[in-house]
Amino acid sequence: MTDAIRVEDLTVAYREKPVLWDVDANVPEGVMEAIVGPNGAGKSTLLKAILGLLPASAGTVSIFGGKLSDQRKRVAYVPQRSAVDWDFPTTVLDVVIMGSYGRLGWIRRPGKAERFAAMAALEKVGMHEFASRQISELSGGQQQRVFLARALIQEADLYFMDEPFQGVDATTERAIISLLRELRDEGKTLLVVHHDLQTVEEYFDRVLLLNVRAIASGPVKEVFTQENLRKTYGGRVAFFKEDEEDMDAIHS
């Protein structure tokens, strides 16, 4: 299986203090992988460093075996909601259409085809009725759906998502995970910063456990263990997981 992302010896420092230290990681094509770790572990920093949004002190990153600059049109990014100025005066439809700029460039203006694609993406995330609404008028979950729609019209092969489930209700979370699985089943690759340990096994194929350093990475069934979680979070982890023996006892 080809790697969509390969990270080698990546170090990122703020004012000489390492936020990521000597991180090695790879994400195969066609999987949904979570980045999991405590607050301050460098999860969002890792996404931004891979995307070239933050400078690396050392290390290399390859995307589909090449430089990010050569693969940029194949990449989409959904940032944290807290990183977005939601008071900017623009409509839902215009926000989604912005996702087409990477293909069009900044000279060519979006036309009917881009508006049609944007409306189709909004319908896919259940937000087509809000197309003319100001983005600031939406709830947090609705705003997150709009940003997913914007990523969809980029028609990327690789999606970076920073806490897409943060601050959304259960209905929106189910809608988002259904959409992400659909993308994965189409052969897309998704790297997702995630904070809810209880849903990692249900939602993801692979996981990277991170705490400044990469603690472990690989298929969820192999890597997502109590021992690795203790190494990641330090000491005892309050992680609610019924093992198979307990379940057998309950049902016998």
C-alpha atoms as a PDB file:
ATOM      1  CA  MET A   1       0.000   0.000   0.000  1.00  0.00           C
ATOM      2  CA  THR A   2       1.346   3.432  -0.978  1.00  0.00           C
ATOM      3  CA  ASP A   3       1.785   6.102   1.695  1.00  0.00           C
ATOM      4  CA  ALA A   4      -0.345   9.220   1.306  1.00  0.00           C
ATOM      5  CA  ILE A   5       1.772  10.891   4.005  1.00  0.00           C
ATOM      6  CA  ARG A   6       5.281  10.119   5.202  1.00  0.00           C
ATOM      7  CA  VAL A   7       6.864  12.129   8.005  1.00  0.00           C
ATOM      8  CA  GLU A   8      10.472  11.570   9.028  1.00  0.00           C
ATOM      9  CA  ASP A   9      12.336  13.106  11.981  1.00  0.00           C
ATOM     10  CA  LEU A  10       9.947  16.080  12.142  1.00  0.00           C
ATOM     11  CA  THR A  11      10.736  18.652  14.839  1.00  0.00           C
ATOM     12  CA  VAL A  12       8.833  21.898  15.403  1.00  0.00           C
ATOM     13  CA  ALA A  13       9.837  24.400  18.083  1.00  0.00           C
ATOM     14  CA  TYR A  14       8.307  27.598  19.458  1.00  0.00           C
ATOM     15  CA  ARG A  15      10.941  29.932  20.913  1.00  0.00           C
ATOM     16  CA  GLU A  16      13.405  27.055  21.068  1.00  0.00           C
ATOM     17  CA  LYS A  17      10.954  24.845  23.003  1.00  0.00           C
ATOM     18  CA  PRO A  18      10.118  21.669  21.029  1.00  0.00           C
ATOM     19  CA  VAL A  19       6.392  21.223  20.407  1.00  0.00           C
ATOM     20  CA  LEU A  20       7.041  18.178  18.221  1.00  0.00           C
ATOM     21  CA  TRP A  21      10.225  16.199  18.628  1.00  0.00           C
ATOM     22  CA  ASP A  22      11.693  13.813  16.054  1.00  0.00           C
ATOM     23  CA  VAL A  23       8.300  12.513  14.882  1.00  0.00           C
ATOM     24  CA  ASP A  24       8.144   9.638  12.406  1.00  0.00           C
ATOM     25  CA  ALA A  25       4.751   8.703  10.959  1.00  0.00           C
ATOM     26  CA  ASN A  26       3.175   7.326   7.828  1.00  0.00           C
ATOM     27  CA  VAL A  27      -0.430   7.249   6.666  1.00  0.00           C
ATOM     28  CA  PRO A  28      -1.293   4.724   3.928  1.00  0.00           C
ATOM     29  CA  GLU A  29      -3.662   5.686   1.148  1.00  0.00           C
ATOM     30  CA  GLY A  30      -7.356   4.972   1.583  1.00  0.00           C
ATOM     31  CA  VAL A  31      -7.553   4.961   5.383  1.00  0.00           C
ATOM     32  CA  MET A  32      -9.065   7.118   8.094  1.00  0.00           C
ATOM     33  CA  GLU A  33      -6.446   7.802  10.764  1.00  0.00           C
ATOM     34  CA  ALA A  34      -6.824   9.645  14.070  1.00  0.00           C
ATOM     35  CA  ILE A  35      -4.204  11.709  15.841  1.00  0.00           C
ATOM     36  CA  VAL A  36      -4.823  11.286  19.565  1.00  0.00           C
ATOM     37  CA  GLY A  37      -3.051  12.747  22.579  1.00  0.00           C
ATOM     38  CA  PRO A  38      -3.406  15.074  25.576  1.00  0.00           C
ATOM     39  CA  ASN A  39      -3.758  18.850  25.400  1.00  0.00           C
ATOM     40  CA  GLY A  40      -0.473  20.390  24.325  1.00  0.00           C
ATOM     41  CA  ALA A  41       0.703  17.183  22.665  1.00  0.00           C
ATOM     42  CA  GLY A  42       1.228  18.907  19.309  1.00  0.00           C
ATOM     43  CA  LYS A  43      -1.689  17.369  17.400  1.00  0.00           C
ATOM     44  CA  SER A  44      -2.774  20.517  15.547  1.00  0.00           C
ATOM     45  CA  THR A  45       0.857  21.543  15.176  1.00  0.00           C
ATOM     46  CA  LEU A  46       1.573  18.266  13.383  1.00  0.00           C
ATOM     47  CA  LEU A  47      -1.221  18.899  10.864  1.00  0.00           C
ATOM     48  CA  LYS A  48      -0.028  22.451  10.223  1.00  0.00           C
ATOM     49  CA  ALA A  49       3.605  21.385   9.886  1.00  0.00           C
ATOM     50  CA  ILE A  50       2.706  18.685   7.358  1.00  0.00           C
ATOM     51  CA  LEU A  51       0.705  21.293   5.424  1.00  0.00           C
ATOM     52  CA  GLY A  52       3.577  23.773   5.508  1.00  0.00           C
ATOM     53  CA  LEU A  53       1.565  26.255   7.588  1.00  0.00           C
ATOM     54  CA  LEU A  54       4.219  26.119  10.325  1.00  0.00           C
ATOM     55  CA  PRO A  55       7.972  25.950   9.741  1.00  0.00           C
ATOM     56  CA  ALA A  56       9.778  22.780  10.794  1.00  0.00           C
ATOM     57  CA  SER A  57      13.091  22.977  12.622  1.00  0.00           C
ATOM     58  CA  ALA A  58      14.106  19.626  11.154  1.00  0.00           C
ATOM     59  CA  GLY A  59      12.728  16.651   9.262  1.00  0.00           C
ATOM     60  CA  THR A  60      10.972  15.934   5.991  1.00  0.00           C
ATOM     61  CA  VAL A  61       7.399  15.457   4.791  1.00  0.00           C
ATOM     62  CA  SER A  62       6.256  13.786   1.592  1.00  0.00           C
ATOM     63  CA  ILE A  63       2.722  13.716   0.180  1.00  0.00           C
ATOM     64  CA  PHE A  64       1.942  10.855  -2.214  1.00  0.00           C
ATOM     65  CA  GLY A  65       5.678  10.358  -2.556  1.00  0.00           C
ATOM     66  CA  GLY A  66       6.451  13.954  -3.569  1.00  0.00           C
ATOM     67  CA  LYS A  67       6.610  17.531  -2.348  1.00  0.00           C
ATOM     68  CA  LEU A  68       3.496  19.188  -0.964  1.00  0.00           C
ATOM     69  CA  SER A  69       3.896  21.996  -3.525  1.00  0.00           C
ATOM     70  CA  ASP A  70       3.464  19.448  -6.317  1.00  0.00           C
ATOM     71  CA  GLN A  71       0.436  17.780  -4.678  1.00  0.00           C
ATOM     72  CA  ARG A  72      -1.393  20.778  -3.245  1.00  0.00           C
ATOM     73  CA  LYS A  73      -4.469  20.400  -5.460  1.00  0.00           C
ATOM     74  CA  ARG A  74      -4.944  16.897  -4.054  1.00  0.00           C
ATOM     75  CA  VAL A  75      -5.098  18.181  -0.469  1.00  0.00           C
ATOM     76  CA  ALA A  76      -7.955  19.730   1.544  1.00  0.00           C
ATOM     77  CA  TYR A  77      -7.834  21.142   5.073  1.00  0.00           C
ATOM     78  CA  VAL A  78     -10.621  21.697   7.600  1.00  0.00           C
ATOM     79  CA  PRO A  79      -9.255  23.807  10.483  1.00  0.00           C
ATOM     80  CA  GLN A  80     -10.626  24.044  13.991  1.00  0.00           C
ATOM     81  CA  ARG A  81     -13.730  26.215  14.198  1.00  0.00           C
ATOM     82  CA  SER A  82     -11.998  28.382  16.798  1.00  0.00           C
ATOM     83  CA  ALA A  83      -9.379  29.343  14.196  1.00  0.00           C
ATOM     84  CA  VAL A  84     -11.964  30.899  11.857  1.00  0.00           C
ATOM     85  CA  ASP A  85     -13.384  34.438  11.942  1.00  0.00           C
ATOM     86  CA  TRP A  86     -17.075  33.582  11.811  1.00  0.00           C
ATOM     87  CA  ASP A  87     -18.069  37.266  11.904  1.00  0.00           C
ATOM     88  CA  PHE A  88     -16.688  37.835   8.413  1.00  0.00           C
ATOM     89  CA  PRO A  89     -19.657  39.068   6.323  1.00  0.00           C
ATOM     90  CA  THR A  90     -20.210  36.309   3.787  1.00  0.00           C
ATOM     91  CA  THR A  91     -22.870  33.757   2.932  1.00  0.00           C
ATOM     92  CA  VAL A  92     -22.764  30.006   3.351  1.00  0.00           C
ATOM     93  CA  LEU A  93     -22.685  29.492  -0.422  1.00  0.00           C
ATOM     94  CA  ASP A  94     -19.754  31.883  -0.858  1.00  0.00           C
ATOM     95  CA  VAL A  95     -17.756  30.089   1.855  1.00  0.00           C
ATOM     96  CA  VAL A  96     -18.216  26.775   0.076  1.00  0.00           C
ATOM     97  CA  ILE A  97     -17.376  28.237  -3.347  1.00  0.00           C
ATOM     98  CA  MET A  98     -14.048  29.396  -1.865  1.00  0.00           C
ATOM     99  CA  GLY A  99     -13.055  25.739  -1.918  1.00  0.00           C
ATOM    100  CA  SER A 100     -12.889  25.901  -5.720  1.00  0.00           C
ATOM    101  CA  TYR A 101     -10.230  28.637  -5.801  1.00  0.00           C
ATOM    102  CA  GLY A 102      -7.379  26.134  -5.662  1.00  0.00           C
ATOM    103  CA  ARG A 103      -8.417  24.710  -9.018  1.00  0.00           C
ATOM    104  CA  LEU A 104      -9.439  28.019 -10.600  1.00  0.00           C
ATOM    105  CA  GLY A 105      -6.602  30.191  -9.380  1.00  0.00           C
ATOM    106  CA  TRP A 106      -7.190  33.753  -8.193  1.00  0.00           C
ATOM    107  CA  ILE A 107      -7.714  35.316 -11.632  1.00  0.00           C
ATOM    108  CA  ARG A 108     -10.535  33.176 -12.968  1.00  0.00           C
ATOM    109  CA  ARG A 109     -13.841  33.773 -11.192  1.00  0.00           C
ATOM    110  CA  PRO A 110     -16.175  30.949 -10.103  1.00  0.00           C
ATOM    111  CA  GLY A 111     -19.062  30.368 -12.487  1.00  0.00           C
ATOM    112  CA  LYS A 112     -22.193  28.252 -12.799  1.00  0.00           C
ATOM    113  CA  ALA A 113     -20.273  24.966 -12.545  1.00  0.00           C
ATOM    114  CA  GLU A 114     -18.712  26.005  -9.234  1.00  0.00           C
ATOM    115  CA  ARG A 115     -22.052  27.219  -7.851  1.00  0.00           C
ATOM    116  CA  PHE A 116     -23.665  23.931  -8.848  1.00  0.00           C
ATOM    117  CA  ALA A 117     -20.846  21.955  -7.178  1.00  0.00           C
ATOM    118  CA  ALA A 118     -21.139  24.089  -4.046  1.00  0.00           C
ATOM    119  CA  MET A 119     -24.896  23.530  -3.807  1.00  0.00           C
ATOM    120  CA  ALA A 120     -24.397  19.794  -4.327  1.00  0.00           C
ATOM    121  CA  ALA A 121     -21.826  19.728  -1.516  1.00  0.00           C
ATOM    122  CA  LEU A 122     -24.164  21.665   0.782  1.00  0.00           C
ATOM    123  CA  GLU A 123     -26.946  19.200   0.025  1.00  0.00           C
ATOM    124  CA  LYS A 124     -24.603  16.352   0.885  1.00  0.00           C
ATOM    125  CA  VAL A 125     -23.990  17.796   4.357  1.00  0.00           C
ATOM    126  CA  GLY A 126     -27.658  18.766   4.839  1.00  0.00           C
ATOM    127  CA  MET A 127     -27.086  22.528   4.565  1.00  0.00           C
ATOM    128  CA  HIS A 128     -28.449  23.453   1.120  1.00  0.00           C
ATOM    129  CA  GLU A 129     -31.412  25.298   2.665  1.00  0.00           C
ATOM    130  CA  PHE A 130     -28.952  27.661   4.383  1.00  0.00           C
ATOM    131  CA  ALA A 131     -27.059  28.677   1.227  1.00  0.00           C
ATOM    132  CA  SER A 132     -28.030  32.356   1.416  1.00  0.00           C
ATOM    133  CA  ARG A 133     -27.651  32.623   5.192  1.00  0.00           C
ATOM    134  CA  GLN A 134     -24.815  34.636   6.724  1.00  0.00           C
ATOM    135  CA  ILE A 135     -22.176  32.269   8.109  1.00  0.00           C
ATOM    136  CA  SER A 136     -22.231  34.103  11.462  1.00  0.00           C
ATOM    137  CA  GLU A 137     -25.901  33.186  11.953  1.00  0.00           C
ATOM    138  CA  LEU A 138     -25.232  29.438  12.054  1.00  0.00           C
ATOM    139  CA  SER A 139     -24.740  27.205  15.068  1.00  0.00           C
ATOM    140  CA  GLY A 140     -21.358  25.593  15.687  1.00  0.00           C
ATOM    141  CA  GLY A 141     -22.448  22.288  14.204  1.00  0.00           C
ATOM    142  CA  GLN A 142     -23.857  23.984  11.122  1.00  0.00           C
ATOM    143  CA  GLN A 143     -20.651  25.952  10.622  1.00  0.00           C
ATOM    144  CA  GLN A 144     -18.670  22.718  10.786  1.00  0.00           C
ATOM    145  CA  ARG A 145     -20.872  21.158   8.120  1.00  0.00           C
ATOM    146  CA  VAL A 146     -20.300  24.176   5.872  1.00  0.00           C
ATOM    147  CA  PHE A 147     -16.540  23.809   6.172  1.00  0.00           C
ATOM    148  CA  LEU A 148     -16.833  20.138   5.307  1.00  0.00           C
ATOM    149  CA  ALA A 149     -18.821  21.114   2.214  1.00  0.00           C
ATOM    150  CA  ARG A 150     -16.063  23.554   1.268  1.00  0.00           C
ATOM    151  CA  ALA A 151     -13.534  20.721   1.546  1.00  0.00           C
ATOM    152  CA  LEU A 152     -15.740  18.422  -0.542  1.00  0.00           C
ATOM    153  CA  ILE A 153     -15.783  20.652  -3.610  1.00  0.00           C
ATOM    154  CA  GLN A 154     -12.002  20.633  -3.660  1.00  0.00           C
ATOM    155  CA  GLU A 155     -12.322  16.999  -4.805  1.00  0.00           C
ATOM    156  CA  ALA A 156      -9.147  16.177  -2.888  1.00  0.00           C
ATOM    157  CA  ASP A 157      -7.510  12.809  -2.388  1.00  0.00           C
ATOM    158  CA  LEU A 158      -6.173  13.683   1.069  1.00  0.00           C
ATOM    159  CA  TYR A 159      -8.154  15.443   3.805  1.00  0.00           C
ATOM    160  CA  PHE A 160      -6.681  17.002   6.951  1.00  0.00           C
ATOM    161  CA  MET A 161      -9.289  17.694   9.645  1.00  0.00           C
ATOM    162  CA  ASP A 162      -8.609  19.373  12.982  1.00  0.00           C
ATOM    163  CA  GLU A 163     -11.183  18.247  15.565  1.00  0.00           C
ATOM    164  CA  PRO A 164     -14.199  18.110  13.205  1.00  0.00           C
ATOM    165  CA  PHE A 165     -16.442  16.749  15.985  1.00  0.00           C
ATOM    166  CA  GLN A 166     -15.607  19.420  18.557  1.00  0.00           C
ATOM    167  CA  GLY A 167     -18.651  21.311  19.818  1.00  0.00           C
ATOM    168  CA  VAL A 168     -21.191  19.566  17.588  1.00  0.00           C
ATOM    169  CA  ASP A 169     -24.321  17.721  18.660  1.00  0.00           C
ATOM    170  CA  ALA A 170     -24.798  13.974  18.329  1.00  0.00           C
ATOM    171  CA  THR A 171     -26.820  14.270  15.109  1.00  0.00           C
ATOM    172  CA  THR A 172     -24.137  16.354  13.424  1.00  0.00           C
ATOM    173  CA  GLU A 173     -21.404  14.015  14.643  1.00  0.00           C
ATOM    174  CA  ARG A 174     -23.188  11.020  13.096  1.00  0.00           C
ATOM    175  CA  ALA A 175     -23.633  12.943   9.840  1.00  0.00           C
ATOM    176  CA  ILE A 176     -19.947  13.905   9.758  1.00  0.00           C
ATOM    177  CA  ILE A 177     -18.627  10.419  10.470  1.00  0.00           C
ATOM    178  CA  SER A 178     -20.949   8.993   7.820  1.00  0.00           C
ATOM    179  CA  LEU A 179     -19.544  11.457   5.288  1.00  0.00           C
ATOM    180  CA  LEU A 180     -15.938  10.718   6.272  1.00  0.00           C
ATOM    181  CA  ARG A 181     -16.516   6.988   5.900  1.00  0.00           C
ATOM    182  CA  GLU A 182     -18.007   7.599   2.470  1.00  0.00           C
ATOM    183  CA  LEU A 183     -14.876   9.493   1.445  1.00  0.00           C
ATOM    184  CA  ARG A 184     -12.678   6.704   2.818  1.00  0.00           C
ATOM    185  CA  ASP A 185     -14.690   4.090   0.938  1.00  0.00           C
ATOM    186  CA  GLU A 186     -14.088   6.084  -2.262  1.00  0.00           C
ATOM    187  CA  GLY A 187     -10.346   5.656  -1.707  1.00  0.00           C
ATOM    188  CA  LYS A 188      -9.695   9.019  -0.079  1.00  0.00           C
ATOM    189  CA  THR A 189      -7.272   9.374   2.840  1.00  0.00           C
ATOM    190  CA  LEU A 190      -8.236  11.236   6.014  1.00  0.00           C
ATOM    191  CA  LEU A 191      -5.987  12.389   8.854  1.00  0.00           C
ATOM    192  CA  VAL A 192      -8.126  13.644  11.742  1.00  0.00           C
ATOM    193  CA  VAL A 193      -7.191  15.245  15.057  1.00  0.00           C
ATOM    194  CA  HIS A 194      -9.550  13.611  17.548  1.00  0.00           C
ATOM    195  CA  HIS A 195     -10.071  13.919  21.300  1.00  0.00           C
ATOM    196  CA  ASP A 196     -12.738  11.362  22.262  1.00  0.00           C
ATOM    197  CA  LEU A 197     -11.003   8.123  23.243  1.00  0.00           C
ATOM    198  CA  GLN A 198     -14.287   6.255  23.459  1.00  0.00           C
ATOM    199  CA  THR A 199     -15.018   6.562  19.739  1.00  0.00           C
ATOM    200  CA  VAL A 200     -11.547   5.904  18.306  1.00  0.00           C
ATOM    201  CA  GLU A 201     -12.151   2.185  17.788  1.00  0.00           C
ATOM    202  CA  GLU A 202     -15.578   2.782  16.244  1.00  0.00           C
ATOM    203  CA  TYR A 203     -14.589   5.586  13.891  1.00  0.00           C
ATOM    204  CA  PHE A 204     -11.023   4.983  12.705  1.00  0.00           C
ATOM    205  CA  ASP A 205      -8.899   2.412  10.885  1.00  0.00           C
ATOM    206  CA  ARG A 206      -5.587   3.627  12.265  1.00  0.00           C
ATOM    207  CA  VAL A 207      -4.348   5.837  15.085  1.00  0.00           C
ATOM    208  CA  LEU A 208      -1.252   7.886  15.868  1.00  0.00           C
ATOM    209  CA  LEU A 209      -0.719   8.355  19.605  1.00  0.00           C
ATOM    210  CA  LEU A 210       1.186  11.592  20.108  1.00  0.00           C
ATOM    211  CA  ASN A 211       2.659  13.471  23.034  1.00  0.00           C
ATOM    212  CA  VAL A 212       5.336  15.745  21.550  1.00  0.00           C
ATOM    213  CA  ARG A 213       6.893  12.500  20.337  1.00  0.00           C
ATOM    214  CA  ALA A 214       5.113   9.778  18.381  1.00  0.00           C
ATOM    215  CA  ILE A 215       4.327   7.120  21.002  1.00  0.00           C
ATOM    216  CA  ALA A 216       2.838   4.531  18.639  1.00  0.00           C
ATOM    217  CA  SER A 217       1.066   4.365  15.292  1.00  0.00           C
ATOM    218  CA  GLY A 218      -0.673   1.719  13.232  1.00  0.00           C
ATOM    219  CA  PRO A 219      -3.989  -0.133  12.980  1.00  0.00           C
ATOM    220  CA  VAL A 220      -6.344   0.702  15.858  1.00  0.00           C
ATOM    221  CA  LYS A 221      -6.666  -2.937  16.951  1.00  0.00           C
ATOM    222  CA  GLU A 222      -2.895  -3.201  17.386  1.00  0.00           C
ATOM    223  CA  VAL A 223      -1.952   0.232  18.705  1.00  0.00           C
ATOM    224  CA  PHE A 224      -4.902   1.458  20.763  1.00  0.00           C
ATOM    225  CA  THR A 225      -4.025  -0.377  23.978  1.00  0.00           C
ATOM    226  CA  GLN A 226      -4.125   0.574  27.645  1.00  0.00           C
ATOM    227  CA  GLU A 227      -0.332   0.363  27.808  1.00  0.00           C
ATOM    228  CA  ASN A 228       0.155   2.759  24.881  1.00  0.00           C
ATOM    229  CA  LEU A 229      -2.505   5.110  26.241  1.00  0.00           C
ATOM    230  CA  ARG A 230      -0.713   5.242  29.598  1.00  0.00           C
ATOM    231  CA  LYS A 231       2.529   6.091  27.797  1.00  0.00           C
ATOM    232  CA  THR A 232       0.720   8.808  25.863  1.00  0.00           C
ATOM    233  CA  TYR A 233      -1.265  10.411  28.663  1.00  0.00           C
ATOM    234  CA  GLY A 234       1.027   9.590  31.585  1.00  0.00           C
ATOM    235  CA  GLY A 235      -0.033   7.400  34.485  1.00  0.00           C
ATOM    236  CA  ARG A 236      -3.520   5.958  34.658  1.00  0.00           C
ATOM    237  CA  VAL A 237      -5.994   6.717  31.876  1.00  0.00           C
ATOM    238  CA  ALA A 238      -9.694   6.965  32.632  1.00  0.00           C
ATOM    239  CA  PHE A 239     -10.666   5.081  29.521  1.00  0.00           C
ATOM    240  CA  PHE A 240     -13.995   3.277  29.473  1.00  0.00           C
ATOM    241  CA  LYS A 241     -13.574   0.065  27.556  1.00  0.00           C
ATOM    242  CA  GLU A 242     -15.227  -3.262  28.298  1.00  0.00           C
ATOM    243  CA  ASP A 243     -13.007  -6.159  27.333  1.00  0.00           C
ATOM    244  CA  GLU A 244     -14.359  -9.240  25.618  1.00  0.00           C
ATOM    245  CA  GLU A 245     -14.319 -11.371  28.777  1.00  0.00           C
ATOM    246  CA  ASP A 246     -16.509  -8.850  30.618  1.00  0.00           C
ATOM    247  CA  MET A 247     -18.933  -8.762  27.708  1.00  0.00           C
ATOM    248  CA  ASP A 248     -19.074 -12.555  27.582  1.00  0.00           C
ATOM    249  CA  ALA A 249     -19.830 -12.635  31.297  1.00  0.00           C
ATOM    250  CA  ILE A 250     -22.614 -10.084  30.895  1.00  0.00           C
ATOM    251  CA  HIS A 251     -24.277 -12.010  28.057  1.00  0.00           C
ATOM    252  CA  SER A 252     -23.840 -15.536  29.517  1.00  0.00           C
END
